[in-house]
Every structure is written in C-alpha cells, then in structure tokens.
Amino acid sequence: MDLDDFLALLEWTGRQIRADKPGAIPAHFEAILKRLEIDQDAWLDTVQHFGSRFHLVAGSVKRLMQAAREDGQHWFQGKSAAQRAYQSV
C-alpha cells in the first residue's frame, strides 16, 4: 500500500469512528482491505480497541508468531484479535 492510500484509509477510518462524520467505504479501500485480507467491520473494531487487543505487535496470527520468534518469545498478545481482524474475506 502506498502512502497516499494509507493516509486516505486512515481518514476514512476516522470518519467511521466519529459518529458525526460517517461515510461509505470507497471502492478502492474495499480492494485494499481485501488484498490485506482484512474484514471491514473487524478493521474498525480493531482500530477502536487497538490498545486492549494488541500489545507490542499487531497483524495476522502468522505475523504475530513470526515477530515473537524473532524476539525470542513464544507469543505476543493479540491472537484472538488477529484471528477476527485478519481473516480471508
């Protein structure tokens, strides 16, 4: 994902979270979320509750396991959140 797409996705996410600025997901964001294998509703939930769902590392279960191994750990907190957010859509 390039920087412009990332920043636009961030803006859209903020509009979804703030009740006074709702908006439909643009088609190109749907494609980005699909390519990243992220469910739209789970993405919003993850962003809203990020600090209580993930610590140190966030991403798919595979990425959490990889990061833990690289850090000499068995696991990082966030497996359930990762399974909900980063799934095939």
N, C-alpha and C. Protein backbone atom coordinates (compact mmCIF):
# COMPACT_ATOMS: atom_id res chain seq x y z
N MET A 1 0.86 -1.17 0.00
CA MET A 1 0.00 0.00 0.00
C MET A 1 0.90 1.23 0.00
N ASP A 2 0.61 2.16 -0.86
CA ASP A 2 1.45 3.37 -0.88
C ASP A 2 0.95 4.36 0.18
N LEU A 3 1.74 5.39 0.43
CA LEU A 3 1.45 6.35 1.49
C LEU A 3 0.12 7.05 1.27
N ASP A 4 -0.19 7.44 0.05
CA ASP A 4 -1.46 8.13 -0.22
C ASP A 4 -2.65 7.25 0.11
N ASP A 5 -2.60 5.97 -0.27
CA ASP A 5 -3.69 5.04 0.06
C ASP A 5 -3.80 4.85 1.57
N PHE A 6 -2.66 4.74 2.24
CA PHE A 6 -2.66 4.57 3.69
C PHE A 6 -3.29 5.77 4.38
N LEU A 7 -2.89 6.96 3.98
CA LEU A 7 -3.43 8.18 4.60
C LEU A 7 -4.93 8.32 4.31
N ALA A 8 -5.35 7.98 3.12
CA ALA A 8 -6.77 8.03 2.79
C ALA A 8 -7.56 7.01 3.61
N LEU A 9 -6.99 5.82 3.79
CA LEU A 9 -7.64 4.80 4.61
C LEU A 9 -7.75 5.27 6.06
N LEU A 10 -6.72 5.90 6.55
CA LEU A 10 -6.77 6.46 7.90
C LEU A 10 -7.88 7.50 8.03
N GLU A 11 -7.98 8.38 7.05
CA GLU A 11 -9.03 9.41 7.09
C GLU A 11 -10.41 8.76 7.08
N TRP A 12 -10.62 7.78 6.19
CA TRP A 12 -11.90 7.10 6.13
C TRP A 12 -12.21 6.41 7.46
N THR A 13 -11.20 5.76 8.04
CA THR A 13 -11.39 5.07 9.32
C THR A 13 -11.84 6.05 10.39
N GLY A 14 -11.19 7.20 10.45
CA GLY A 14 -11.58 8.22 11.42
C GLY A 14 -13.01 8.68 11.23
N ARG A 15 -13.44 8.79 9.99
CA ARG A 15 -14.82 9.21 9.72
C ARG A 15 -15.81 8.13 10.15
N GLN A 16 -15.43 6.89 10.08
CA GLN A 16 -16.32 5.81 10.51
C GLN A 16 -16.46 5.78 12.02
N ILE A 17 -15.39 6.09 12.71
CA ILE A 17 -15.38 6.01 14.16
C ILE A 17 -16.11 7.20 14.78
N ARG A 18 -16.00 8.36 14.18
CA ARG A 18 -16.71 9.54 14.68
C ARG A 18 -18.12 9.53 14.14
N ALA A 19 -19.09 9.50 15.05
CA ALA A 19 -20.50 9.41 14.66
C ALA A 19 -20.95 10.59 13.80
N ASP A 20 -20.33 11.75 13.97
CA ASP A 20 -20.76 12.94 13.22
C ASP A 20 -20.13 13.01 11.83
N LYS A 21 -19.31 12.02 11.44
CA LYS A 21 -18.66 12.04 10.12
C LYS A 21 -18.71 10.67 9.45
N PRO A 22 -19.91 10.07 9.34
CA PRO A 22 -19.97 8.75 8.70
C PRO A 22 -19.76 8.85 7.19
N GLY A 23 -19.42 7.74 6.61
CA GLY A 23 -19.25 7.68 5.16
C GLY A 23 -19.09 6.25 4.71
N ALA A 24 -19.48 6.00 3.49
CA ALA A 24 -19.35 4.66 2.94
C ALA A 24 -17.91 4.42 2.53
N ILE A 25 -17.49 3.18 2.60
CA ILE A 25 -16.11 2.85 2.21
C ILE A 25 -15.99 2.96 0.69
N PRO A 26 -15.03 3.76 0.23
CA PRO A 26 -14.81 3.86 -1.21
C PRO A 26 -14.36 2.52 -1.79
N ALA A 27 -14.66 2.29 -3.04
CA ALA A 27 -14.36 1.01 -3.69
C ALA A 27 -12.88 0.66 -3.62
N HIS A 28 -11.99 1.65 -3.77
CA HIS A 28 -10.57 1.31 -3.76
C HIS A 28 -10.10 0.90 -2.37
N PHE A 29 -10.80 1.32 -1.30
CA PHE A 29 -10.44 0.84 0.03
C PHE A 29 -10.90 -0.59 0.22
N GLU A 30 -12.04 -0.92 -0.36
CA GLU A 30 -12.50 -2.31 -0.30
C GLU A 30 -11.44 -3.22 -0.90
N ALA A 31 -10.87 -2.79 -2.01
CA ALA A 31 -9.83 -3.59 -2.67
C ALA A 31 -8.59 -3.71 -1.79
N ILE A 32 -8.22 -2.63 -1.13
CA ILE A 32 -7.04 -2.65 -0.25
C ILE A 32 -7.29 -3.61 0.91
N LEU A 33 -8.44 -3.48 1.57
CA LEU A 33 -8.75 -4.36 2.70
C LEU A 33 -8.82 -5.82 2.25
N LYS A 34 -9.38 -6.06 1.08
CA LYS A 34 -9.46 -7.43 0.57
C LYS A 34 -8.07 -7.98 0.31
N ARG A 35 -7.20 -7.16 -0.32
CA ARG A 35 -5.84 -7.60 -0.62
C ARG A 35 -5.08 -7.90 0.67
N LEU A 36 -5.34 -7.12 1.72
CA LEU A 36 -4.68 -7.34 3.01
C LEU A 36 -5.38 -8.41 3.84
N GLU A 37 -6.48 -8.95 3.31
CA GLU A 37 -7.29 -9.96 3.98
C GLU A 37 -7.81 -9.46 5.33
N ILE A 38 -8.35 -8.23 5.30
CA ILE A 38 -8.90 -7.60 6.50
C ILE A 38 -10.38 -7.35 6.28
N ASP A 39 -11.20 -7.82 7.19
CA ASP A 39 -12.63 -7.58 7.16
C ASP A 39 -12.90 -6.13 7.58
N GLN A 40 -13.77 -5.42 6.84
CA GLN A 40 -14.04 -4.01 7.09
C GLN A 40 -14.53 -3.76 8.51
N ASP A 41 -15.51 -4.50 8.97
CA ASP A 41 -16.03 -4.30 10.32
C ASP A 41 -14.98 -4.63 11.38
N ALA A 42 -14.23 -5.70 11.14
CA ALA A 42 -13.18 -6.07 12.08
C ALA A 42 -12.08 -5.01 12.10
N TRP A 43 -11.78 -4.39 10.95
CA TRP A 43 -10.79 -3.31 10.88
C TRP A 43 -11.20 -2.17 11.81
N LEU A 44 -12.45 -1.74 11.70
CA LEU A 44 -12.92 -0.63 12.53
C LEU A 44 -12.89 -1.00 14.01
N ASP A 45 -13.32 -2.21 14.33
CA ASP A 45 -13.29 -2.68 15.71
C ASP A 45 -11.86 -2.73 16.23
N THR A 46 -10.94 -3.20 15.41
CA THR A 46 -9.53 -3.28 15.80
C THR A 46 -8.97 -1.90 16.08
N VAL A 47 -9.26 -0.94 15.22
CA VAL A 47 -8.75 0.42 15.41
C VAL A 47 -9.32 1.03 16.69
N GLN A 48 -10.62 0.84 16.92
CA GLN A 48 -11.26 1.42 18.09
C GLN A 48 -10.76 0.82 19.40
N HIS A 49 -10.36 -0.43 19.39
CA HIS A 49 -9.96 -1.12 20.63
C HIS A 49 -8.52 -1.61 20.56
N PHE A 50 -7.71 -0.96 19.77
CA PHE A 50 -6.36 -1.43 19.49
C PHE A 50 -5.55 -1.71 20.75
N GLY A 51 -5.52 -0.76 21.67
CA GLY A 51 -4.69 -0.90 22.86
C GLY A 51 -5.07 -2.05 23.77
N SER A 52 -6.32 -2.44 23.75
CA SER A 52 -6.73 -3.56 24.60
C SER A 52 -6.65 -4.90 23.87
N ARG A 53 -6.43 -4.88 22.57
CA ARG A 53 -6.38 -6.11 21.79
C ARG A 53 -4.96 -6.54 21.45
N PHE A 54 -4.10 -5.58 21.20
CA PHE A 54 -2.72 -5.88 20.81
C PHE A 54 -1.75 -5.16 21.74
N HIS A 55 -0.59 -5.78 21.93
CA HIS A 55 0.50 -5.17 22.69
C HIS A 55 1.80 -5.48 21.96
N LEU A 56 2.58 -4.48 21.72
CA LEU A 56 3.88 -4.57 21.06
C LEU A 56 3.80 -4.83 19.56
N VAL A 57 2.97 -5.78 19.12
CA VAL A 57 2.91 -6.17 17.73
C VAL A 57 1.45 -6.37 17.33
N ALA A 58 1.13 -5.98 16.09
CA ALA A 58 -0.22 -6.21 15.56
C ALA A 58 -0.09 -6.78 14.16
N GLY A 59 -1.06 -7.59 13.79
CA GLY A 59 -1.07 -8.17 12.46
C GLY A 59 -1.73 -9.53 12.49
N SER A 60 -1.56 -10.25 11.42
CA SER A 60 -2.15 -11.59 11.32
C SER A 60 -1.49 -12.53 12.34
N VAL A 61 -2.15 -13.64 12.60
CA VAL A 61 -1.59 -14.64 13.52
C VAL A 61 -0.20 -15.05 13.05
N LYS A 62 -0.05 -15.26 11.75
CA LYS A 62 1.24 -15.64 11.19
C LYS A 62 2.31 -14.59 11.51
N ARG A 63 1.95 -13.31 11.37
CA ARG A 63 2.91 -12.23 11.65
C ARG A 63 3.22 -12.14 13.14
N LEU A 64 2.22 -12.36 13.99
CA LEU A 64 2.46 -12.35 15.43
C LEU A 64 3.45 -13.44 15.82
N MET A 65 3.26 -14.62 15.25
CA MET A 65 4.15 -15.74 15.56
C MET A 65 5.56 -15.45 15.06
N GLN A 66 5.67 -14.89 13.87
CA GLN A 66 6.98 -14.56 13.30
C GLN A 66 7.69 -13.52 14.17
N ALA A 67 6.98 -12.48 14.57
CA ALA A 67 7.58 -11.44 15.39
C ALA A 67 8.00 -11.98 16.75
N ALA A 68 7.19 -12.86 17.33
CA ALA A 68 7.53 -13.45 18.62
C ALA A 68 8.82 -14.27 18.51
N ARG A 69 8.90 -15.10 17.47
CA ARG A 69 10.12 -15.90 17.27
C ARG A 69 11.35 -15.01 17.12
N GLU A 70 11.21 -13.95 16.32
CA GLU A 70 12.33 -13.03 16.10
C GLU A 70 12.75 -12.34 17.39
N ASP A 71 11.81 -12.20 18.33
CA ASP A 71 12.10 -11.55 19.61
C ASP A 71 12.44 -12.55 20.71
N GLY A 72 12.51 -13.83 20.34
CA GLY A 72 12.83 -14.86 21.32
C GLY A 72 11.69 -15.20 22.25
N GLN A 73 10.46 -14.89 21.84
CA GLN A 73 9.27 -15.15 22.65
C GLN A 73 8.49 -16.30 22.03
N HIS A 74 7.58 -16.85 22.81
CA HIS A 74 6.70 -17.88 22.28
C HIS A 74 5.48 -17.26 21.61
N TRP A 75 5.06 -16.09 22.11
CA TRP A 75 3.84 -15.48 21.62
C TRP A 75 3.77 -14.02 22.06
N PHE A 76 3.00 -13.22 21.33
CA PHE A 76 2.64 -11.87 21.73
C PHE A 76 1.12 -11.83 21.88
N GLN A 77 0.64 -11.02 22.79
CA GLN A 77 -0.80 -10.89 23.00
C GLN A 77 -1.47 -10.39 21.73
N GLY A 78 -2.64 -10.93 21.41
CA GLY A 78 -3.40 -10.45 20.27
C GLY A 78 -3.90 -11.54 19.35
N LYS A 79 -3.74 -12.81 19.73
CA LYS A 79 -4.13 -13.90 18.83
C LYS A 79 -5.61 -13.84 18.47
N SER A 80 -6.47 -13.68 19.45
CA SER A 80 -7.92 -13.63 19.18
C SER A 80 -8.27 -12.45 18.30
N ALA A 81 -7.70 -11.29 18.61
CA ALA A 81 -7.95 -10.09 17.81
C ALA A 81 -7.44 -10.27 16.39
N ALA A 82 -6.29 -10.91 16.26
CA ALA A 82 -5.72 -11.15 14.93
C ALA A 82 -6.59 -12.10 14.12
N GLN A 83 -7.13 -13.12 14.78
CA GLN A 83 -7.98 -14.07 14.08
C GLN A 83 -9.27 -13.39 13.59
N ARG A 84 -9.81 -12.45 14.39
CA ARG A 84 -11.02 -11.73 13.98
C ARG A 84 -10.74 -10.73 12.87
N ALA A 85 -9.66 -9.98 13.01
CA ALA A 85 -9.40 -8.87 12.09
C ALA A 85 -8.76 -9.30 10.79
N TYR A 86 -7.82 -10.21 10.88
CA TYR A 86 -7.03 -10.58 9.70
C TYR A 86 -7.41 -11.97 9.23
N GLN A 87 -8.54 -12.02 8.55
CA GLN A 87 -9.03 -13.30 8.06
C GLN A 87 -9.34 -13.14 6.58
N SER A 88 -9.45 -14.22 5.90
CA SER A 88 -9.84 -14.14 4.49
C SER A 88 -11.24 -13.60 4.39
N VAL A 89 -11.42 -12.64 3.51
CA VAL A 89 -12.74 -12.01 3.36
C VAL A 89 -13.36 -12.44 2.05
